[in-house]
């Protein structure tokens, strides 16, 4: 991967972290909707980076539809424990 693309990815990551911090600062009850899919995993990772070395200061919300793969539930539980996050 060339330098241009890496710099662009770093810029996108920095902007995302800025937005996450602004949401936390400006809104009363932010939360991350966590399905266990790629998008919510990336968002959770960005939130982790946003508040490192502290914990993510808002909960992960998971709606159990009963149609999740067992591996998704195991990963969700592991991630919540790993992050010290609150699961709602």
C-alpha atoms as a PDB file:
ATOM      1  CA  UNK A   1       0.000   0.000   0.000  1.00  0.00           C
ATOM      2  CA  UNK A   2       1.485   3.342  -0.926  1.00  0.00           C
ATOM      3  CA  UNK A   3       2.021   6.306   1.363  1.00  0.00           C
ATOM      4  CA  UNK A   4      -0.869   8.322  -0.073  1.00  0.00           C
ATOM      5  CA  UNK A   5      -3.437   5.664   0.828  1.00  0.00           C
ATOM      6  CA  UNK A   6      -1.987   5.123   4.297  1.00  0.00           C
ATOM      7  CA  UNK A   7      -2.074   8.854   4.989  1.00  0.00           C
ATOM      8  CA  UNK A   8      -5.656   9.016   3.752  1.00  0.00           C
ATOM      9  CA  UNK A   9      -6.674   6.132   6.043  1.00  0.00           C
ATOM     10  CA  UNK A  10      -4.991   7.827   9.016  1.00  0.00           C
ATOM     11  CA  UNK A  11      -6.851  11.039   8.229  1.00  0.00           C
ATOM     12  CA  UNK A  12     -10.185   9.212   8.072  1.00  0.00           C
ATOM     13  CA  UNK A  13      -9.411   7.500  11.375  1.00  0.00           C
ATOM     14  CA  UNK A  14      -8.538  10.824  13.019  1.00  0.00           C
ATOM     15  CA  UNK A  15     -11.762  12.421  11.785  1.00  0.00           C
ATOM     16  CA  UNK A  16     -13.778   9.472  13.095  1.00  0.00           C
ATOM     17  CA  UNK A  17     -12.133   9.686  16.512  1.00  0.00           C
ATOM     18  CA  UNK A  18     -12.862  13.419  16.616  1.00  0.00           C
ATOM     19  CA  UNK A  19     -16.557  12.804  15.839  1.00  0.00           C
ATOM     20  CA  UNK A  20     -16.841  10.088  18.509  1.00  0.00           C
ATOM     21  CA  UNK A  21     -15.327  12.401  21.135  1.00  0.00           C
ATOM     22  CA  UNK A  22     -17.653  15.239  20.089  1.00  0.00           C
ATOM     23  CA  UNK A  23     -20.698  12.970  20.386  1.00  0.00           C
ATOM     24  CA  UNK A  24     -19.642  12.014  23.904  1.00  0.00           C
ATOM     25  CA  UNK A  25     -19.099  15.665  24.843  1.00  0.00           C
ATOM     26  CA  UNK A  26     -22.357  17.003  23.391  1.00  0.00           C
ATOM     27  CA  UNK A  27     -25.019  14.348  23.955  1.00  0.00           C
ATOM     28  CA  UNK A  28     -26.509  12.956  27.150  1.00  0.00           C
ATOM     29  CA  UNK A  29     -26.807   9.227  26.454  1.00  0.00           C
ATOM     30  CA  UNK A  30     -24.641   8.087  23.552  1.00  0.00           C
ATOM     31  CA  UNK A  31     -24.365   4.375  22.845  1.00  0.00           C
ATOM     32  CA  UNK A  32     -22.922   2.068  20.213  1.00  0.00           C
ATOM     33  CA  UNK A  33     -25.361  -0.297  18.554  1.00  0.00           C
ATOM     34  CA  UNK A  34     -23.358  -3.526  18.379  1.00  0.00           C
ATOM     35  CA  UNK A  35     -24.467  -6.331  16.073  1.00  0.00           C
ATOM     36  CA  UNK A  36     -21.151  -8.161  15.892  1.00  0.00           C
ATOM     37  CA  UNK A  37     -20.814  -7.284  12.207  1.00  0.00           C
ATOM     38  CA  UNK A  38     -17.892  -5.571  10.548  1.00  0.00           C
ATOM     39  CA  UNK A  39     -19.282  -2.039  10.860  1.00  0.00           C
ATOM     40  CA  UNK A  40     -20.045  -2.204  14.574  1.00  0.00           C
ATOM     41  CA  UNK A  41     -16.710  -3.904  15.269  1.00  0.00           C
ATOM     42  CA  UNK A  42     -14.858  -1.076  13.493  1.00  0.00           C
ATOM     43  CA  UNK A  43     -16.916   1.572  15.320  1.00  0.00           C
ATOM     44  CA  UNK A  44     -16.201  -0.101  18.664  1.00  0.00           C
ATOM     45  CA  UNK A  45     -12.481  -0.235  17.832  1.00  0.00           C
ATOM     46  CA  UNK A  46     -12.524   3.480  16.969  1.00  0.00           C
ATOM     47  CA  UNK A  47     -14.334   4.260  20.231  1.00  0.00           C
ATOM     48  CA  UNK A  48     -11.692   2.284  22.094  1.00  0.00           C
ATOM     49  CA  UNK A  49      -8.952   4.338  20.424  1.00  0.00           C
ATOM     50  CA  UNK A  50     -10.879   7.552  21.133  1.00  0.00           C
ATOM     51  CA  UNK A  51     -10.743   7.112  24.901  1.00  0.00           C
ATOM     52  CA  UNK A  52      -7.564   5.051  25.351  1.00  0.00           C
ATOM     53  CA  UNK A  53      -6.161   4.361  27.937  1.00  0.00           C
ATOM     54  CA  UNK A  54      -9.576   4.713  29.591  1.00  0.00           C
ATOM     55  CA  UNK A  55     -12.661   2.656  28.924  1.00  0.00           C
ATOM     56  CA  UNK A  56     -15.377   3.477  26.412  1.00  0.00           C
ATOM     57  CA  UNK A  57     -17.629   5.751  28.511  1.00  0.00           C
ATOM     58  CA  UNK A  58     -20.920   4.625  27.000  1.00  0.00           C
ATOM     59  CA  UNK A  59     -22.619   1.261  26.595  1.00  0.00           C
ATOM     60  CA  UNK A  60     -22.712  -1.200  23.756  1.00  0.00           C
ATOM     61  CA  UNK A  61     -26.309  -1.990  22.839  1.00  0.00           C
ATOM     62  CA  UNK A  62     -26.977  -5.448  21.401  1.00  0.00           C
ATOM     63  CA  UNK A  63     -30.415  -6.550  20.298  1.00  0.00           C
ATOM     64  CA  UNK A  64     -30.645 -10.326  20.441  1.00  0.00           C
ATOM     65  CA  UNK A  65     -32.985 -11.269  17.611  1.00  0.00           C
ATOM     66  CA  UNK A  66     -32.475 -14.963  18.207  1.00  0.00           C
ATOM     67  CA  UNK A  67     -30.951 -15.255  14.723  1.00  0.00           C
ATOM     68  CA  UNK A  68     -27.315 -14.623  15.637  1.00  0.00           C
ATOM     69  CA  UNK A  69     -24.614 -17.181  15.056  1.00  0.00           C
ATOM     70  CA  UNK A  70     -23.350 -18.670  18.342  1.00  0.00           C
ATOM     71  CA  UNK A  71     -19.852 -17.429  17.417  1.00  0.00           C
ATOM     72  CA  UNK A  72     -21.186 -13.874  17.265  1.00  0.00           C
ATOM     73  CA  UNK A  73     -22.517 -14.125  20.805  1.00  0.00           C
ATOM     74  CA  UNK A  74     -19.241 -15.622  22.073  1.00  0.00           C
ATOM     75  CA  UNK A  75     -17.280 -12.829  20.383  1.00  0.00           C
ATOM     76  CA  UNK A  76     -19.642 -10.176  21.776  1.00  0.00           C
ATOM     77  CA  UNK A  77     -19.213 -11.497  25.319  1.00  0.00           C
ATOM     78  CA  UNK A  78     -15.435 -11.729  24.925  1.00  0.00           C
ATOM     79  CA  UNK A  79     -15.191  -8.182  23.541  1.00  0.00           C
ATOM     80  CA  UNK A  80     -17.328  -6.696  26.317  1.00  0.00           C
ATOM     81  CA  UNK A  81     -15.114  -8.365  28.913  1.00  0.00           C
ATOM     82  CA  UNK A  82     -11.913  -7.370  27.086  1.00  0.00           C
ATOM     83  CA  UNK A  83     -12.994  -3.716  26.897  1.00  0.00           C
ATOM     84  CA  UNK A  84     -14.532  -3.588  30.345  1.00  0.00           C
ATOM     85  CA  UNK A  85     -17.570  -2.184  28.553  1.00  0.00           C
ATOM     86  CA  UNK A  86     -21.169  -2.112  29.669  1.00  0.00           C
ATOM     87  CA  UNK A  87     -23.566  -4.199  27.569  1.00  0.00           C
ATOM     88  CA  UNK A  88     -27.210  -3.208  27.339  1.00  0.00           C
END
